[in-house]
Each structure stands twice: as C-alpha cells, then as structure tokens.
Amino acid sequence: MNGSKIIYVRADGALLGLTEKEYLAAIRRGKAHIRNAKQNERALKKYEGTINPGKRDS
C-alpha cells in the first residue's frame, strides 16, 4: 500500500486515518480487533454514503 492513508473504523464507529502497517500493529497490540472487520466494512460503507449519497446502494 506504500504507506497511503486508509480509513479504518473502530468498533465504536470512530474513523481512524491509519496506514495498513499502523493498523496491523494496532491489531497486534490489541487496540483493534479483526473480528470487527465486517462491522468496519458496514460503517465505512455508511460513511462513504454520506460523502457520495448518489453512489450509495441500499
């Protein structure tokens, strides 16, 4: 990913601007959880929908 910023979502819905490496390090430290990946996907879709309402598919 070349250290490009990606948005990852915490379980409480807070958006994190982290690189993939930082995110994986956070998982290892126990600050983020892999089991929340599906929830993160949903939250991210919801978040993207607020930026581009036309692109959102329900």
N, C-alpha and C. Protein backbone atom coordinates (compact mmCIF):
# COMPACT_ATOMS: atom_id res chain seq x y z
N MET A 1 0.82 -1.21 0.00
CA MET A 1 0.00 0.00 0.00
C MET A 1 0.86 1.27 0.00
N ASN A 2 2.15 1.13 0.13
CA ASN A 2 3.08 2.26 0.10
C ASN A 2 2.80 3.32 1.15
N GLY A 3 2.23 2.92 2.28
CA GLY A 3 2.01 3.86 3.37
C GLY A 3 0.93 4.89 3.10
N SER A 4 0.08 4.62 2.11
CA SER A 4 -1.02 5.56 1.84
C SER A 4 -2.04 5.45 2.97
N LYS A 5 -2.67 6.56 3.29
CA LYS A 5 -3.63 6.56 4.39
C LYS A 5 -4.90 5.85 3.97
N ILE A 6 -5.34 4.97 4.85
CA ILE A 6 -6.59 4.24 4.63
C ILE A 6 -7.45 4.53 5.85
N ILE A 7 -8.74 4.55 5.65
CA ILE A 7 -9.61 4.78 6.81
C ILE A 7 -10.02 3.42 7.37
N TYR A 8 -9.69 3.20 8.62
CA TYR A 8 -10.19 2.02 9.32
C TYR A 8 -11.15 2.51 10.39
N VAL A 9 -12.11 1.69 10.72
CA VAL A 9 -13.15 2.11 11.65
C VAL A 9 -13.05 1.30 12.94
N ARG A 10 -13.02 2.01 14.06
CA ARG A 10 -13.02 1.33 15.36
C ARG A 10 -14.40 0.77 15.63
N ALA A 11 -14.49 -0.13 16.59
CA ALA A 11 -15.76 -0.78 16.92
C ALA A 11 -16.84 0.23 17.30
N ASP A 12 -16.45 1.35 17.90
CA ASP A 12 -17.44 2.35 18.31
C ASP A 12 -17.80 3.29 17.16
N GLY A 13 -17.26 3.02 15.97
CA GLY A 13 -17.63 3.81 14.80
C GLY A 13 -16.71 4.98 14.52
N ALA A 14 -15.70 5.18 15.38
CA ALA A 14 -14.77 6.28 15.14
C ALA A 14 -13.88 5.96 13.94
N LEU A 15 -13.66 6.95 13.11
CA LEU A 15 -12.86 6.72 11.91
C LEU A 15 -11.39 7.00 12.22
N LEU A 16 -10.52 6.11 11.75
CA LEU A 16 -9.09 6.27 12.00
C LEU A 16 -8.37 6.40 10.67
N GLY A 17 -7.57 7.46 10.52
CA GLY A 17 -6.75 7.58 9.33
C GLY A 17 -5.42 6.91 9.60
N LEU A 18 -5.30 5.65 9.23
CA LEU A 18 -4.09 4.90 9.54
C LEU A 18 -3.55 4.25 8.27
N THR A 19 -2.25 4.03 8.26
CA THR A 19 -1.70 3.22 7.18
C THR A 19 -1.98 1.77 7.53
N GLU A 20 -1.89 0.90 6.54
CA GLU A 20 -2.15 -0.51 6.79
C GLU A 20 -1.21 -1.06 7.86
N LYS A 21 0.06 -0.63 7.79
CA LYS A 21 1.06 -1.10 8.75
C LYS A 21 0.68 -0.69 10.17
N GLU A 22 0.26 0.56 10.33
CA GLU A 22 -0.14 1.06 11.65
C GLU A 22 -1.34 0.28 12.17
N TYR A 23 -2.28 -0.01 11.26
CA TYR A 23 -3.49 -0.73 11.64
C TYR A 23 -3.15 -2.14 12.11
N LEU A 24 -2.28 -2.82 11.36
CA LEU A 24 -1.89 -4.18 11.73
C LEU A 24 -1.14 -4.18 13.06
N ALA A 25 -0.34 -3.14 13.27
CA ALA A 25 0.38 -3.02 14.54
C ALA A 25 -0.63 -2.83 15.68
N ALA A 26 -1.67 -2.06 15.43
CA ALA A 26 -2.70 -1.82 16.44
C ALA A 26 -3.43 -3.11 16.77
N ILE A 27 -3.68 -3.93 15.76
CA ILE A 27 -4.33 -5.22 16.00
C ILE A 27 -3.44 -6.07 16.90
N ARG A 28 -2.13 -6.07 16.60
CA ARG A 28 -1.20 -6.86 17.41
C ARG A 28 -1.18 -6.38 18.85
N ARG A 29 -1.32 -5.07 19.05
CA ARG A 29 -1.32 -4.53 20.42
C ARG A 29 -2.66 -4.72 21.10
N GLY A 30 -3.66 -5.17 20.32
CA GLY A 30 -4.97 -5.40 20.90
C GLY A 30 -5.85 -4.17 20.91
N LYS A 31 -5.45 -3.11 20.18
CA LYS A 31 -6.25 -1.88 20.17
C LYS A 31 -7.37 -1.98 19.14
N ALA A 32 -7.18 -2.83 18.15
CA ALA A 32 -8.20 -3.03 17.13
C ALA A 32 -8.44 -4.53 17.04
N HIS A 33 -9.59 -4.92 16.58
CA HIS A 33 -9.92 -6.33 16.57
C HIS A 33 -10.32 -6.79 15.17
N ILE A 34 -9.75 -7.90 14.76
CA ILE A 34 -10.06 -8.43 13.43
C ILE A 34 -11.53 -8.82 13.35
N ARG A 35 -12.10 -9.25 14.48
CA ARG A 35 -13.49 -9.70 14.44
C ARG A 35 -14.46 -8.56 14.12
N ASN A 36 -13.97 -7.31 14.19
CA ASN A 36 -14.83 -6.17 13.88
C ASN A 36 -14.76 -5.79 12.40
N ALA A 37 -14.06 -6.60 11.60
CA ALA A 37 -13.84 -6.24 10.20
C ALA A 37 -15.16 -6.05 9.46
N LYS A 38 -16.12 -6.96 9.65
CA LYS A 38 -17.42 -6.84 8.98
C LYS A 38 -18.12 -5.56 9.42
N GLN A 39 -18.09 -5.30 10.71
CA GLN A 39 -18.70 -4.09 11.26
C GLN A 39 -18.02 -2.86 10.67
N ASN A 40 -16.70 -2.92 10.54
CA ASN A 40 -15.95 -1.82 9.96
C ASN A 40 -16.38 -1.57 8.53
N GLU A 41 -16.55 -2.67 7.77
CA GLU A 41 -16.98 -2.55 6.38
C GLU A 41 -18.32 -1.82 6.29
N ARG A 42 -19.26 -2.23 7.16
CA ARG A 42 -20.58 -1.61 7.16
C ARG A 42 -20.48 -0.13 7.49
N ALA A 43 -19.73 0.17 8.54
CA ALA A 43 -19.59 1.56 8.98
C ALA A 43 -18.92 2.40 7.90
N LEU A 44 -17.96 1.79 7.21
CA LEU A 44 -17.24 2.51 6.17
C LEU A 44 -18.18 2.79 4.99
N LYS A 45 -19.01 1.81 4.64
CA LYS A 45 -20.00 2.00 3.57
C LYS A 45 -20.93 3.14 3.94
N LYS A 46 -21.38 3.13 5.19
CA LYS A 46 -22.28 4.16 5.68
C LYS A 46 -21.60 5.52 5.56
N TYR A 47 -20.32 5.56 5.96
CA TYR A 47 -19.54 6.79 5.93
C TYR A 47 -19.35 7.28 4.49
N GLU A 48 -19.03 6.35 3.59
CA GLU A 48 -18.86 6.72 2.19
C GLU A 48 -20.17 7.24 1.61
N GLY A 49 -21.27 6.65 2.07
CA GLY A 49 -22.59 7.07 1.62
C GLY A 49 -22.87 8.52 1.96
N THR A 50 -22.30 9.00 3.07
CA THR A 50 -22.54 10.38 3.47
C THR A 50 -21.75 11.34 2.58
N ILE A 51 -20.64 10.85 2.01
CA ILE A 51 -19.84 11.69 1.13
C ILE A 51 -20.44 11.73 -0.27
N ASN A 52 -20.80 10.54 -0.79
CA ASN A 52 -21.37 10.42 -2.12
C ASN A 52 -22.75 9.77 -2.04
N PRO A 53 -23.77 10.54 -1.68
CA PRO A 53 -25.10 9.96 -1.50
C PRO A 53 -25.59 9.25 -2.78
N GLY A 54 -25.17 9.73 -3.93
CA GLY A 54 -25.62 9.14 -5.18
C GLY A 54 -25.06 7.75 -5.42
N LYS A 55 -23.90 7.48 -4.84
CA LYS A 55 -23.24 6.20 -5.07
C LYS A 55 -23.72 5.11 -4.13
N ARG A 56 -24.44 5.50 -3.10
CA ARG A 56 -24.84 4.54 -2.08
C ARG A 56 -25.91 3.59 -2.61
N ASP A 57 -25.69 2.30 -2.42
CA ASP A 57 -26.72 1.35 -2.80
C ASP A 57 -27.28 0.69 -1.56
N SER A 58 -28.61 0.74 -1.42
CA SER A 58 -29.22 0.22 -0.20
C SER A 58 -29.78 -1.17 -0.41
